[in-house]
Amino acid sequence: MTKKTVKIALSAIALGLMASTASFAADAPIYGSQLMSKQERIEHRNKLRAAKTVEEREQVRLQHHEQMQLRAKEKGVTLPDTPPAQGAGQGRGVGPGSGMGPGRNR
């Protein structure tokens, strides 16, 4: 392959990875989603995206958690006490332990 062909192929791969990562973030689990309409899930994600700081996002999540607990109680449904973990430092994203790096020799 020529250098130009390799560059094009690598660019295509990079764009594909970025697109799949963006869609994964958009499809992250929402606490109580089974009790929400599609429109409510869209609105909740938009609120999270509009939050400018980590603290604002956490406040949106906490308010949503309380609303879903109330809705679950009204419908006689049991939800876990804690919402799913969010963010790269909590089991998703890049960092130690992710990807196909060199393993430990045992």
N, C-alpha and C. Protein backbone atom coordinates (compact mmCIF):
# COMPACT_ATOMS: atom_id res chain seq x y z
N MET A 1 0.84 -1.19 0.00
CA MET A 1 0.00 0.00 0.00
C MET A 1 0.88 1.25 0.00
N THR A 2 0.35 2.29 -0.58
CA THR A 2 1.09 3.54 -0.58
C THR A 2 0.84 4.27 0.73
N LYS A 3 1.67 5.27 0.99
CA LYS A 3 1.50 6.05 2.23
C LYS A 3 0.13 6.73 2.25
N LYS A 4 -0.31 7.20 1.10
CA LYS A 4 -1.61 7.88 1.03
C LYS A 4 -2.75 6.91 1.37
N THR A 5 -2.67 5.70 0.86
CA THR A 5 -3.69 4.69 1.13
C THR A 5 -3.72 4.34 2.62
N VAL A 6 -2.55 4.21 3.22
CA VAL A 6 -2.47 3.91 4.65
C VAL A 6 -3.08 5.04 5.47
N LYS A 7 -2.76 6.28 5.11
CA LYS A 7 -3.32 7.43 5.84
C LYS A 7 -4.84 7.46 5.74
N ILE A 8 -5.36 7.18 4.55
CA ILE A 8 -6.82 7.17 4.36
C ILE A 8 -7.45 6.06 5.19
N ALA A 9 -6.85 4.89 5.18
CA ALA A 9 -7.39 3.76 5.95
C ALA A 9 -7.37 4.06 7.44
N LEU A 10 -6.26 4.61 7.94
CA LEU A 10 -6.18 4.95 9.36
C LEU A 10 -7.18 6.04 9.74
N SER A 11 -7.37 7.00 8.86
CA SER A 11 -8.35 8.06 9.13
C SER A 11 -9.76 7.49 9.21
N ALA A 12 -10.07 6.57 8.31
CA ALA A 12 -11.40 5.94 8.32
C ALA A 12 -11.61 5.15 9.60
N ILE A 13 -10.59 4.43 10.03
CA ILE A 13 -10.69 3.66 11.27
C ILE A 13 -10.90 4.59 12.45
N ALA A 14 -10.13 5.68 12.51
CA ALA A 14 -10.26 6.64 13.61
C ALA A 14 -11.65 7.25 13.64
N LEU A 15 -12.18 7.63 12.49
CA LEU A 15 -13.53 8.20 12.45
C LEU A 15 -14.57 7.19 12.90
N GLY A 16 -14.40 5.94 12.49
CA GLY A 16 -15.33 4.90 12.92
C GLY A 16 -15.31 4.70 14.42
N LEU A 17 -14.12 4.70 15.00
CA LEU A 17 -14.00 4.55 16.45
C LEU A 17 -14.62 5.72 17.19
N MET A 18 -14.40 6.93 16.69
CA MET A 18 -14.98 8.11 17.34
C MET A 18 -16.51 8.06 17.27
N ALA A 19 -17.03 7.65 16.13
CA ALA A 19 -18.49 7.57 15.99
C ALA A 19 -19.08 6.51 16.91
N SER A 20 -18.42 5.36 17.03
CA SER A 20 -18.95 4.31 17.89
C SER A 20 -18.86 4.72 19.36
N THR A 21 -17.81 5.45 19.74
CA THR A 21 -17.68 5.93 21.11
C THR A 21 -18.77 6.94 21.42
N ALA A 22 -19.05 7.85 20.48
CA ALA A 22 -20.08 8.86 20.69
C ALA A 22 -21.45 8.21 20.83
N SER A 23 -21.74 7.19 20.03
CA SER A 23 -23.04 6.56 20.14
C SER A 23 -23.15 5.77 21.43
N PHE A 24 -22.02 5.18 21.89
CA PHE A 24 -22.06 4.46 23.17
C PHE A 24 -22.39 5.42 24.30
N ALA A 25 -21.78 6.61 24.30
CA ALA A 25 -22.05 7.59 25.35
C ALA A 25 -23.52 8.01 25.32
N ALA A 26 -24.06 8.14 24.12
CA ALA A 26 -25.46 8.55 24.01
C ALA A 26 -26.40 7.45 24.48
N ASP A 27 -25.94 6.19 24.43
CA ASP A 27 -26.78 5.08 24.82
C ASP A 27 -26.46 4.55 26.21
N ALA A 28 -25.72 5.33 26.98
CA ALA A 28 -25.39 4.91 28.34
C ALA A 28 -26.68 4.65 29.11
N PRO A 29 -26.65 3.69 30.04
CA PRO A 29 -27.87 3.35 30.76
C PRO A 29 -28.40 4.53 31.58
N ILE A 30 -29.71 4.64 31.59
CA ILE A 30 -30.38 5.69 32.37
C ILE A 30 -31.12 4.98 33.49
N TYR A 31 -30.90 5.45 34.70
CA TYR A 31 -31.57 4.89 35.87
C TYR A 31 -33.09 5.00 35.69
N GLY A 32 -33.78 3.89 35.79
CA GLY A 32 -35.23 3.88 35.68
C GLY A 32 -35.74 4.05 34.26
N SER A 33 -34.90 3.79 33.28
CA SER A 33 -35.31 4.01 31.88
C SER A 33 -36.54 3.19 31.50
N GLN A 34 -36.73 2.04 32.15
CA GLN A 34 -37.90 1.22 31.85
C GLN A 34 -39.21 1.90 32.26
N LEU A 35 -39.11 2.94 33.06
CA LEU A 35 -40.29 3.69 33.50
C LEU A 35 -40.46 4.99 32.73
N MET A 36 -39.60 5.22 31.73
CA MET A 36 -39.60 6.48 30.99
C MET A 36 -40.03 6.26 29.54
N SER A 37 -40.61 7.29 28.95
CA SER A 37 -40.90 7.24 27.53
C SER A 37 -39.62 7.57 26.76
N LYS A 38 -39.63 7.30 25.47
CA LYS A 38 -38.47 7.62 24.65
C LYS A 38 -38.18 9.12 24.72
N GLN A 39 -39.21 9.94 24.68
CA GLN A 39 -39.03 11.39 24.75
C GLN A 39 -38.41 11.81 26.08
N GLU A 40 -38.82 11.19 27.17
CA GLU A 40 -38.24 11.52 28.48
C GLU A 40 -36.76 11.15 28.54
N ARG A 41 -36.40 10.02 27.92
CA ARG A 41 -34.98 9.64 27.90
C ARG A 41 -34.16 10.64 27.09
N ILE A 42 -34.70 11.09 25.96
CA ILE A 42 -34.02 12.09 25.14
C ILE A 42 -33.84 13.38 25.93
N GLU A 43 -34.90 13.82 26.60
CA GLU A 43 -34.82 15.06 27.38
C GLU A 43 -33.81 14.95 28.53
N HIS A 44 -33.77 13.79 29.17
CA HIS A 44 -32.82 13.59 30.27
C HIS A 44 -31.39 13.67 29.74
N ARG A 45 -31.11 13.00 28.62
CA ARG A 45 -29.76 13.07 28.04
C ARG A 45 -29.40 14.50 27.65
N ASN A 46 -30.37 15.23 27.11
CA ASN A 46 -30.11 16.63 26.75
C ASN A 46 -29.78 17.48 27.97
N LYS A 47 -30.47 17.23 29.08
CA LYS A 47 -30.17 17.95 30.32
C LYS A 47 -28.74 17.66 30.77
N LEU A 48 -28.35 16.39 30.70
CA LEU A 48 -26.99 16.02 31.10
C LEU A 48 -25.95 16.68 30.20
N ARG A 49 -26.22 16.70 28.90
CA ARG A 49 -25.28 17.32 27.97
C ARG A 49 -25.20 18.83 28.17
N ALA A 50 -26.30 19.45 28.57
CA ALA A 50 -26.34 20.90 28.75
C ALA A 50 -25.64 21.34 30.03
N ALA A 51 -25.49 20.43 30.98
CA ALA A 51 -24.82 20.78 32.25
C ALA A 51 -23.37 21.16 31.95
N LYS A 52 -22.94 22.26 32.53
CA LYS A 52 -21.61 22.78 32.23
C LYS A 52 -20.53 22.25 33.15
N THR A 53 -20.88 21.75 34.31
CA THR A 53 -19.89 21.26 35.25
C THR A 53 -20.27 19.86 35.72
N VAL A 54 -19.31 19.20 36.32
CA VAL A 54 -19.55 17.87 36.90
C VAL A 54 -20.62 17.98 37.98
N GLU A 55 -20.57 19.05 38.75
CA GLU A 55 -21.55 19.24 39.84
C GLU A 55 -22.96 19.40 39.28
N GLU A 56 -23.11 20.15 38.18
CA GLU A 56 -24.43 20.32 37.57
C GLU A 56 -24.96 18.97 37.06
N ARG A 57 -24.08 18.19 36.42
CA ARG A 57 -24.51 16.86 35.94
C ARG A 57 -24.92 15.97 37.09
N GLU A 58 -24.17 16.02 38.16
CA GLU A 58 -24.50 15.19 39.33
C GLU A 58 -25.85 15.61 39.91
N GLN A 59 -26.12 16.92 39.92
CA GLN A 59 -27.41 17.41 40.43
C GLN A 59 -28.56 16.92 39.55
N VAL A 60 -28.36 16.95 38.23
CA VAL A 60 -29.38 16.44 37.30
C VAL A 60 -29.63 14.96 37.58
N ARG A 61 -28.55 14.20 37.77
CA ARG A 61 -28.68 12.77 38.06
C ARG A 61 -29.41 12.51 39.37
N LEU A 62 -29.06 13.27 40.40
CA LEU A 62 -29.72 13.08 41.70
C LEU A 62 -31.21 13.39 41.64
N GLN A 63 -31.56 14.48 40.97
CA GLN A 63 -32.99 14.83 40.83
C GLN A 63 -33.72 13.73 40.05
N HIS A 64 -33.08 13.25 38.98
CA HIS A 64 -33.68 12.20 38.17
C HIS A 64 -33.86 10.92 39.01
N HIS A 65 -32.85 10.60 39.81
CA HIS A 65 -32.91 9.42 40.67
C HIS A 65 -34.12 9.50 41.61
N GLU A 66 -34.30 10.67 42.22
CA GLU A 66 -35.45 10.86 43.13
C GLU A 66 -36.77 10.72 42.39
N GLN A 67 -36.86 11.30 41.19
CA GLN A 67 -38.09 11.21 40.40
C GLN A 67 -38.41 9.75 40.03
N MET A 68 -37.38 9.01 39.66
CA MET A 68 -37.59 7.61 39.27
C MET A 68 -37.97 6.75 40.47
N GLN A 69 -37.39 7.04 41.64
CA GLN A 69 -37.77 6.31 42.85
C GLN A 69 -39.27 6.53 43.15
N LEU A 70 -39.72 7.79 43.04
CA LEU A 70 -41.14 8.08 43.27
C LEU A 70 -42.03 7.38 42.24
N ARG A 71 -41.63 7.44 40.99
CA ARG A 71 -42.42 6.81 39.93
C ARG A 71 -42.48 5.30 40.13
N ALA A 72 -41.37 4.71 40.50
CA ALA A 72 -41.33 3.26 40.75
C ALA A 72 -42.26 2.89 41.89
N LYS A 73 -42.24 3.69 42.95
CA LYS A 73 -43.10 3.42 44.10
C LYS A 73 -44.58 3.50 43.70
N GLU A 74 -44.93 4.52 42.90
CA GLU A 74 -46.31 4.67 42.44
C GLU A 74 -46.77 3.48 41.61
N LYS A 75 -45.84 2.91 40.82
CA LYS A 75 -46.19 1.81 39.93
C LYS A 75 -45.96 0.44 40.56
N GLY A 76 -45.46 0.42 41.79
CA GLY A 76 -45.20 -0.84 42.46
C GLY A 76 -44.01 -1.59 41.90
N VAL A 77 -43.04 -0.85 41.37
CA VAL A 77 -41.84 -1.44 40.77
C VAL A 77 -40.67 -1.19 41.71
N THR A 78 -39.76 -2.13 41.76
CA THR A 78 -38.57 -1.97 42.59
C THR A 78 -37.38 -1.62 41.71
N LEU A 79 -36.69 -0.54 42.04
CA LEU A 79 -35.46 -0.15 41.37
C LEU A 79 -34.31 -0.28 42.35
N PRO A 80 -33.09 -0.48 41.84
CA PRO A 80 -31.95 -0.52 42.75
C PRO A 80 -31.83 0.81 43.50
N ASP A 81 -31.27 0.77 44.70
CA ASP A 81 -31.12 2.00 45.47
C ASP A 81 -30.15 2.97 44.84
N THR A 82 -29.13 2.45 44.16
CA THR A 82 -28.13 3.33 43.57
C THR A 82 -28.21 3.28 42.05
N PRO A 83 -28.07 4.44 41.40
CA PRO A 83 -28.09 4.46 39.94
C PRO A 83 -26.80 3.86 39.39
N PRO A 84 -26.78 3.50 38.08
CA PRO A 84 -25.57 2.94 37.51
C PRO A 84 -24.42 3.95 37.54
N ALA A 85 -23.19 3.46 37.63
CA ALA A 85 -22.01 4.33 37.66
C ALA A 85 -21.89 5.07 36.34
N GLN A 86 -21.42 6.30 36.39
CA GLN A 86 -21.24 7.13 35.21
C GLN A 86 -19.80 7.57 35.10
N GLY A 87 -19.35 7.83 33.88
CA GLY A 87 -18.04 8.45 33.70
C GLY A 87 -16.91 7.47 33.47
N ALA A 88 -15.79 8.00 32.97
CA ALA A 88 -14.66 7.17 32.57
C ALA A 88 -13.96 6.54 33.76
N GLY A 89 -13.94 7.17 34.90
CA GLY A 89 -13.23 6.63 36.04
C GLY A 89 -13.98 5.54 36.76
N GLN A 90 -15.14 5.16 36.26
CA GLN A 90 -15.97 4.21 36.98
C GLN A 90 -16.33 3.01 36.12
N GLY A 91 -15.28 2.40 35.52
CA GLY A 91 -15.53 1.16 34.81
C GLY A 91 -15.63 1.27 33.31
N ARG A 92 -15.59 2.49 32.76
CA ARG A 92 -15.65 2.64 31.31
C ARG A 92 -14.59 3.64 30.89
N GLY A 93 -14.25 3.59 29.62
CA GLY A 93 -13.33 4.58 29.09
C GLY A 93 -11.90 4.11 29.10
N VAL A 94 -11.01 5.05 28.80
CA VAL A 94 -9.60 4.71 28.72
C VAL A 94 -8.96 4.80 30.09
N GLY A 95 -7.89 4.08 30.24
CA GLY A 95 -7.18 4.09 31.51
C GLY A 95 -6.63 2.72 31.80
N PRO A 96 -5.98 2.57 32.92
CA PRO A 96 -5.41 1.27 33.25
C PRO A 96 -6.47 0.18 33.25
N GLY A 97 -6.11 -0.94 32.67
CA GLY A 97 -7.03 -2.07 32.67
C GLY A 97 -7.93 -2.13 31.47
N SER A 98 -7.82 -1.15 30.56
CA SER A 98 -8.69 -1.21 29.38
C SER A 98 -7.85 -1.44 28.14
N GLY A 99 -8.44 -1.99 27.13
CA GLY A 99 -7.75 -2.17 25.86
C GLY A 99 -6.90 -3.42 25.82
N MET A 100 -6.11 -3.52 24.77
CA MET A 100 -5.30 -4.71 24.54
C MET A 100 -3.82 -4.38 24.68
N GLY A 101 -3.43 -3.92 25.82
CA GLY A 101 -2.04 -3.61 26.08
C GLY A 101 -1.28 -4.84 26.51
N PRO A 102 -0.03 -4.66 26.83
CA PRO A 102 0.74 -5.82 27.29
C PRO A 102 0.19 -6.35 28.61
N GLY A 103 0.01 -7.63 28.68
CA GLY A 103 -0.53 -8.24 29.90
C GLY A 103 0.57 -8.55 30.88
N ARG A 104 0.20 -9.05 32.01
CA ARG A 104 1.17 -9.48 33.01
C ARG A 104 1.62 -10.90 32.70
N ASN A 105 2.89 -11.13 32.88
CA ASN A 105 3.42 -12.48 32.71
C ASN A 105 3.26 -13.22 34.03
N ARG A 106 2.53 -14.30 34.00
CA ARG A 106 2.31 -15.06 35.22
C ARG A 106 2.87 -16.42 35.11
